[in-house]
Amino acid sequence: MGHISRYKLEKLKSNAINVLTSRDEILNTNKCDTCICIKLLNNKRSKLATPKPKFFLDKIASDLCGPISPNTYNSYRYILLAVDLATRYLEIRLLRSKDKVYPNIVELKNSLEGELNN
């Protein structure tokens, strides 16, 4: 956020001749308001993080990308991505329009549940 980390500054000082006049200049990076705010936010995010799912199909993340340009040779304009967060199994589907998202997700869910029994 505008300056390098304290570790990098100390390494720079040890490798260069009198780049910084004193160690106090290195320690002043702790007083950076932006760094303090970012550290507070990172601590909150780590405490609120949900645990990783342990079993296949416990949690699936999906994303719709598009419209892509140019279209594919079969006029597909959208890409549907679905990732199982426990196993990192990735499924990619090409779609011609956004109204095909829900039927594809239902079909994907049914096919994955069928594989779960296998």
N, C-alpha and C. Protein backbone atom coordinates (compact mmCIF):
# COMPACT_ATOMS: atom_id res chain seq x y z
N MET A 1 0.84 -1.20 0.00
CA MET A 1 0.00 0.00 0.00
C MET A 1 0.88 1.25 0.00
N GLY A 2 1.87 1.31 -0.83
CA GLY A 2 2.67 2.52 -0.94
C GLY A 2 4.09 2.34 -0.43
N HIS A 3 4.37 1.33 0.35
CA HIS A 3 5.73 1.06 0.79
C HIS A 3 5.91 -0.44 0.93
N ILE A 4 7.15 -0.87 0.94
CA ILE A 4 7.40 -2.29 1.05
C ILE A 4 7.39 -2.71 2.52
N SER A 5 7.38 -4.02 2.75
CA SER A 5 7.27 -4.53 4.11
C SER A 5 8.54 -4.25 4.92
N ARG A 6 8.39 -4.36 6.23
CA ARG A 6 9.51 -4.12 7.12
C ARG A 6 10.65 -5.12 6.85
N TYR A 7 10.31 -6.36 6.58
CA TYR A 7 11.32 -7.38 6.29
C TYR A 7 12.14 -6.99 5.06
N LYS A 8 11.46 -6.54 4.01
CA LYS A 8 12.17 -6.13 2.79
C LYS A 8 13.04 -4.90 3.04
N LEU A 9 12.55 -3.97 3.87
CA LEU A 9 13.36 -2.80 4.19
C LEU A 9 14.62 -3.19 4.97
N GLU A 10 14.48 -4.12 5.92
CA GLU A 10 15.65 -4.57 6.67
C GLU A 10 16.63 -5.28 5.76
N LYS A 11 16.13 -6.07 4.83
CA LYS A 11 17.00 -6.78 3.89
C LYS A 11 17.71 -5.78 2.97
N LEU A 12 16.98 -4.75 2.55
CA LEU A 12 17.57 -3.71 1.71
C LEU A 12 18.68 -2.99 2.46
N LYS A 13 18.44 -2.70 3.74
CA LYS A 13 19.44 -2.00 4.53
C LYS A 13 20.69 -2.86 4.72
N SER A 14 20.50 -4.15 4.92
CA SER A 14 21.67 -5.01 5.12
C SER A 14 22.47 -5.19 3.84
N ASN A 15 21.83 -5.09 2.68
CA ASN A 15 22.53 -5.28 1.41
C ASN A 15 23.10 -3.99 0.83
N ALA A 16 22.55 -2.86 1.19
CA ALA A 16 23.00 -1.59 0.63
C ALA A 16 23.84 -0.84 1.66
N ILE A 17 24.59 0.12 1.19
CA ILE A 17 25.45 0.92 2.08
C ILE A 17 24.71 2.18 2.45
N ASN A 18 24.35 2.30 3.74
CA ASN A 18 23.72 3.49 4.30
C ASN A 18 22.49 3.96 3.50
N VAL A 19 21.65 3.04 3.10
CA VAL A 19 20.44 3.43 2.39
C VAL A 19 19.49 4.15 3.34
N LEU A 20 19.31 3.60 4.51
CA LEU A 20 18.50 4.23 5.53
C LEU A 20 19.42 4.69 6.65
N THR A 21 19.11 5.81 7.24
CA THR A 21 20.01 6.37 8.24
C THR A 21 19.91 5.68 9.58
N SER A 22 18.76 5.16 9.92
CA SER A 22 18.63 4.49 11.21
C SER A 22 17.54 3.43 11.16
N ARG A 23 17.55 2.57 12.17
CA ARG A 23 16.54 1.51 12.26
C ARG A 23 15.16 2.11 12.55
N ASP A 24 15.11 3.31 13.11
CA ASP A 24 13.83 3.95 13.41
C ASP A 24 13.02 4.18 12.15
N GLU A 25 13.68 4.45 11.04
CA GLU A 25 12.95 4.68 9.80
C GLU A 25 12.25 3.40 9.35
N ILE A 26 12.85 2.25 9.61
CA ILE A 26 12.23 0.98 9.27
C ILE A 26 11.01 0.75 10.16
N LEU A 27 11.13 1.03 11.43
CA LEU A 27 10.04 0.78 12.37
C LEU A 27 8.87 1.73 12.19
N ASN A 28 9.06 2.85 11.50
CA ASN A 28 7.97 3.80 11.27
C ASN A 28 6.90 3.24 10.34
N THR A 29 7.17 2.14 9.66
CA THR A 29 6.14 1.56 8.80
C THR A 29 4.98 1.01 9.63
N ASN A 30 5.19 0.75 10.93
CA ASN A 30 4.10 0.30 11.79
C ASN A 30 3.10 1.39 12.06
N LYS A 31 3.46 2.65 11.83
CA LYS A 31 2.58 3.77 12.12
C LYS A 31 1.76 4.19 10.90
N CYS A 32 1.87 3.45 9.82
CA CYS A 32 1.12 3.76 8.60
C CYS A 32 -0.36 3.45 8.84
N ASP A 33 -1.24 4.44 8.70
CA ASP A 33 -2.67 4.26 8.96
C ASP A 33 -3.29 3.20 8.06
N THR A 34 -2.90 3.20 6.81
CA THR A 34 -3.46 2.23 5.87
C THR A 34 -3.09 0.81 6.27
N CYS A 35 -1.81 0.60 6.65
CA CYS A 35 -1.37 -0.74 7.06
C CYS A 35 -2.13 -1.21 8.30
N ILE A 36 -2.35 -0.32 9.25
CA ILE A 36 -3.06 -0.68 10.47
C ILE A 36 -4.50 -1.09 10.15
N CYS A 37 -5.18 -0.34 9.27
CA CYS A 37 -6.55 -0.67 8.89
C CYS A 37 -6.62 -2.01 8.17
N ILE A 38 -5.68 -2.26 7.25
CA ILE A 38 -5.69 -3.51 6.50
C ILE A 38 -5.45 -4.69 7.44
N LYS A 39 -4.53 -4.54 8.40
CA LYS A 39 -4.28 -5.63 9.34
C LYS A 39 -5.51 -5.93 10.19
N LEU A 40 -6.26 -4.89 10.59
CA LEU A 40 -7.48 -5.11 11.37
C LEU A 40 -8.51 -5.86 10.54
N LEU A 41 -8.67 -5.48 9.27
CA LEU A 41 -9.64 -6.17 8.40
C LEU A 41 -9.23 -7.61 8.17
N ASN A 42 -7.94 -7.88 7.96
CA ASN A 42 -7.49 -9.24 7.73
C ASN A 42 -7.74 -10.12 8.94
N ASN A 43 -7.56 -9.60 10.14
CA ASN A 43 -7.82 -10.39 11.34
C ASN A 43 -9.30 -10.74 11.45
N LYS A 44 -10.18 -9.82 11.09
CA LYS A 44 -11.61 -10.10 11.15
C LYS A 44 -12.00 -11.14 10.12
N ARG A 45 -11.43 -11.04 8.91
CA ARG A 45 -11.75 -12.00 7.86
C ARG A 45 -11.32 -13.40 8.25
N SER A 46 -10.16 -13.53 8.86
CA SER A 46 -9.68 -14.87 9.20
C SER A 46 -10.54 -15.50 10.30
N LYS A 47 -11.08 -14.70 11.21
CA LYS A 47 -11.94 -15.24 12.26
C LYS A 47 -13.31 -15.64 11.72
N LEU A 48 -13.77 -14.94 10.68
CA LEU A 48 -15.09 -15.22 10.14
C LEU A 48 -15.08 -16.28 9.04
N ALA A 49 -13.92 -16.76 8.67
CA ALA A 49 -13.82 -17.74 7.59
C ALA A 49 -14.53 -19.04 7.97
N THR A 50 -15.26 -19.57 7.03
CA THR A 50 -15.96 -20.83 7.27
C THR A 50 -15.01 -21.99 7.05
N PRO A 51 -15.19 -23.07 7.76
CA PRO A 51 -14.30 -24.22 7.57
C PRO A 51 -14.50 -24.85 6.20
N LYS A 52 -13.47 -25.47 5.69
CA LYS A 52 -13.51 -26.12 4.39
C LYS A 52 -14.44 -27.34 4.46
N PRO A 53 -15.32 -27.49 3.47
CA PRO A 53 -16.17 -28.68 3.46
C PRO A 53 -15.34 -29.95 3.37
N LYS A 54 -15.81 -31.02 4.00
CA LYS A 54 -15.03 -32.26 4.06
C LYS A 54 -15.50 -33.31 3.07
N PHE A 55 -16.74 -33.22 2.61
CA PHE A 55 -17.30 -34.27 1.78
C PHE A 55 -17.75 -33.72 0.43
N PHE A 56 -17.70 -34.59 -0.57
CA PHE A 56 -18.12 -34.26 -1.93
C PHE A 56 -19.57 -33.78 -1.92
N LEU A 57 -19.83 -32.68 -2.58
CA LEU A 57 -21.14 -32.04 -2.72
C LEU A 57 -21.64 -31.35 -1.46
N ASP A 58 -20.78 -31.16 -0.45
CA ASP A 58 -21.20 -30.37 0.71
C ASP A 58 -21.43 -28.91 0.32
N LYS A 59 -20.53 -28.38 -0.50
CA LYS A 59 -20.66 -26.99 -0.92
C LYS A 59 -20.09 -26.84 -2.32
N ILE A 60 -20.85 -26.20 -3.20
CA ILE A 60 -20.43 -25.99 -4.58
C ILE A 60 -20.48 -24.49 -4.86
N ALA A 61 -19.40 -23.99 -5.43
CA ALA A 61 -19.34 -22.59 -5.84
C ALA A 61 -19.50 -22.54 -7.36
N SER A 62 -20.23 -21.55 -7.85
CA SER A 62 -20.42 -21.45 -9.29
C SER A 62 -20.26 -20.01 -9.73
N ASP A 63 -19.99 -19.85 -11.02
CA ASP A 63 -19.82 -18.53 -11.60
C ASP A 63 -20.26 -18.58 -13.04
N LEU A 64 -20.83 -17.49 -13.50
CA LEU A 64 -21.25 -17.37 -14.89
C LEU A 64 -20.40 -16.30 -15.54
N CYS A 65 -19.70 -16.64 -16.60
CA CYS A 65 -18.84 -15.69 -17.30
C CYS A 65 -19.45 -15.38 -18.66
N GLY A 66 -19.42 -14.13 -19.05
CA GLY A 66 -19.89 -13.79 -20.38
C GLY A 66 -20.72 -12.53 -20.39
N PRO A 67 -21.17 -12.12 -21.52
CA PRO A 67 -21.04 -12.77 -22.81
C PRO A 67 -19.61 -12.66 -23.35
N ILE A 68 -19.14 -13.76 -23.91
CA ILE A 68 -17.80 -13.76 -24.47
C ILE A 68 -17.86 -13.31 -25.92
N SER A 69 -16.78 -12.70 -26.35
CA SER A 69 -16.73 -12.21 -27.72
C SER A 69 -15.38 -12.58 -28.30
N PRO A 70 -15.30 -13.16 -29.43
CA PRO A 70 -16.38 -13.58 -30.32
C PRO A 70 -17.03 -14.86 -29.81
N ASN A 71 -18.22 -15.13 -30.31
CA ASN A 71 -18.93 -16.36 -29.95
C ASN A 71 -18.14 -17.57 -30.41
N THR A 72 -18.41 -18.72 -29.81
CA THR A 72 -17.78 -19.96 -30.27
C THR A 72 -18.41 -20.38 -31.60
N TYR A 73 -17.87 -21.41 -32.20
CA TYR A 73 -18.37 -21.83 -33.51
C TYR A 73 -19.82 -22.34 -33.46
N ASN A 74 -20.31 -22.73 -32.30
CA ASN A 74 -21.71 -23.16 -32.15
C ASN A 74 -22.56 -22.09 -31.48
N SER A 75 -22.12 -20.85 -31.50
CA SER A 75 -22.83 -19.68 -30.95
C SER A 75 -23.00 -19.71 -29.45
N TYR A 76 -22.08 -20.33 -28.72
CA TYR A 76 -22.10 -20.26 -27.26
C TYR A 76 -21.56 -18.90 -26.83
N ARG A 77 -22.24 -18.26 -25.88
CA ARG A 77 -21.83 -16.93 -25.44
C ARG A 77 -21.47 -16.86 -23.96
N TYR A 78 -21.83 -17.88 -23.18
CA TYR A 78 -21.62 -17.86 -21.73
C TYR A 78 -20.90 -19.13 -21.28
N ILE A 79 -20.16 -19.01 -20.18
CA ILE A 79 -19.46 -20.14 -19.59
C ILE A 79 -19.94 -20.27 -18.15
N LEU A 80 -20.42 -21.45 -17.79
CA LEU A 80 -20.85 -21.74 -16.43
C LEU A 80 -19.79 -22.62 -15.77
N LEU A 81 -19.23 -22.15 -14.67
CA LEU A 81 -18.22 -22.89 -13.91
C LEU A 81 -18.83 -23.34 -12.59
N ALA A 82 -18.58 -24.58 -12.22
CA ALA A 82 -19.04 -25.09 -10.92
C ALA A 82 -17.89 -25.88 -10.30
N VAL A 83 -17.55 -25.54 -9.05
CA VAL A 83 -16.43 -26.18 -8.36
C VAL A 83 -16.93 -26.76 -7.04
N ASP A 84 -16.65 -28.05 -6.84
CA ASP A 84 -16.92 -28.65 -5.54
C ASP A 84 -15.78 -28.25 -4.61
N LEU A 85 -16.08 -27.56 -3.52
CA LEU A 85 -15.03 -26.99 -2.67
C LEU A 85 -14.28 -28.03 -1.84
N ALA A 86 -14.86 -29.20 -1.64
CA ALA A 86 -14.16 -30.23 -0.87
C ALA A 86 -13.12 -30.95 -1.72
N THR A 87 -13.48 -31.30 -2.95
CA THR A 87 -12.59 -32.09 -3.79
C THR A 87 -11.93 -31.28 -4.90
N ARG A 88 -12.37 -30.04 -5.10
CA ARG A 88 -11.89 -29.18 -6.18
C ARG A 88 -12.24 -29.73 -7.56
N TYR A 89 -13.28 -30.54 -7.64
CA TYR A 89 -13.77 -31.04 -8.92
C TYR A 89 -14.40 -29.87 -9.65
N LEU A 90 -14.00 -29.67 -10.91
CA LEU A 90 -14.46 -28.53 -11.70
C LEU A 90 -15.29 -29.02 -12.87
N GLU A 91 -16.42 -28.42 -13.07
CA GLU A 91 -17.29 -28.72 -14.21
C GLU A 91 -17.50 -27.42 -14.97
N ILE A 92 -17.31 -27.47 -16.29
CA ILE A 92 -17.49 -26.30 -17.15
C ILE A 92 -18.56 -26.61 -18.18
N ARG A 93 -19.50 -25.70 -18.32
CA ARG A 93 -20.58 -25.86 -19.30
C ARG A 93 -20.65 -24.61 -20.16
N LEU A 94 -20.85 -24.80 -21.45
CA LEU A 94 -21.04 -23.69 -22.38
C LEU A 94 -22.53 -23.47 -22.59
N LEU A 95 -22.95 -22.20 -22.57
CA LEU A 95 -24.37 -21.87 -22.70
C LEU A 95 -24.58 -20.85 -23.80
N ARG A 96 -25.72 -20.95 -24.46
CA ARG A 96 -26.03 -19.98 -25.51
C ARG A 96 -26.69 -18.72 -24.95
N SER A 97 -27.43 -18.86 -23.83
CA SER A 97 -28.09 -17.70 -23.24
C SER A 97 -28.16 -17.89 -21.72
N LYS A 98 -28.42 -16.79 -21.03
CA LYS A 98 -28.46 -16.83 -19.56
C LYS A 98 -29.65 -17.62 -19.02
N ASP A 99 -30.72 -17.72 -19.78
CA ASP A 99 -31.88 -18.45 -19.28
C ASP A 99 -31.63 -19.96 -19.19
N LYS A 100 -30.51 -20.43 -19.69
CA LYS A 100 -30.15 -21.84 -19.60
C LYS A 100 -29.35 -22.18 -18.34
N VAL A 101 -29.09 -21.17 -17.49
CA VAL A 101 -28.26 -21.40 -16.30
C VAL A 101 -28.97 -22.34 -15.32
N TYR A 102 -30.20 -22.03 -14.95
CA TYR A 102 -30.89 -22.85 -13.96
C TYR A 102 -31.06 -24.30 -14.39
N PRO A 103 -31.54 -24.56 -15.62
CA PRO A 103 -31.65 -25.97 -16.02
C PRO A 103 -30.30 -26.70 -16.01
N ASN A 104 -29.23 -26.00 -16.36
CA ASN A 104 -27.91 -26.63 -16.35
C ASN A 104 -27.44 -26.93 -14.94
N ILE A 105 -27.74 -26.05 -13.99
CA ILE A 105 -27.34 -26.29 -12.60
C ILE A 105 -28.12 -27.48 -12.03
N VAL A 106 -29.41 -27.56 -12.35
CA VAL A 106 -30.22 -28.70 -11.89
C VAL A 106 -29.68 -29.99 -12.50
N GLU A 107 -29.37 -29.97 -13.79
CA GLU A 107 -28.82 -31.15 -14.45
C GLU A 107 -27.47 -31.54 -13.87
N LEU A 108 -26.64 -30.55 -13.60
CA LEU A 108 -25.33 -30.81 -13.00
C LEU A 108 -25.49 -31.42 -11.61
N LYS A 109 -26.40 -30.87 -10.81
CA LYS A 109 -26.64 -31.40 -9.46
C LYS A 109 -27.09 -32.85 -9.53
N ASN A 110 -28.01 -33.15 -10.42
CA ASN A 110 -28.51 -34.52 -10.55
C ASN A 110 -27.42 -35.48 -11.02
N SER A 111 -26.61 -35.06 -11.97
CA SER A 111 -25.56 -35.95 -12.46
C SER A 111 -24.49 -36.18 -11.40
N LEU A 112 -24.14 -35.15 -10.63
CA LEU A 112 -23.14 -35.32 -9.58
C LEU A 112 -23.67 -36.18 -8.43
N GLU A 113 -24.93 -36.04 -8.10
CA GLU A 113 -25.51 -36.89 -7.06
C GLU A 113 -25.57 -38.34 -7.51
N GLY A 114 -25.78 -38.55 -8.83
CA GLY A 114 -25.77 -39.91 -9.36
C GLY A 114 -24.38 -40.51 -9.28
N GLU A 115 -23.35 -39.70 -9.49
CA GLU A 115 -21.97 -40.19 -9.38
C GLU A 115 -21.59 -40.44 -7.93
N LEU A 116 -22.24 -39.74 -7.02
CA LEU A 116 -21.95 -39.92 -5.59
C LEU A 116 -22.26 -41.34 -5.15
N ASN A 117 -23.30 -41.92 -5.72
CA ASN A 117 -23.67 -43.30 -5.38
C ASN A 117 -22.69 -44.31 -5.96
N ASN A 118 -21.94 -43.91 -6.99
CA ASN A 118 -20.98 -44.82 -7.60
C ASN A 118 -19.71 -44.81 -6.81
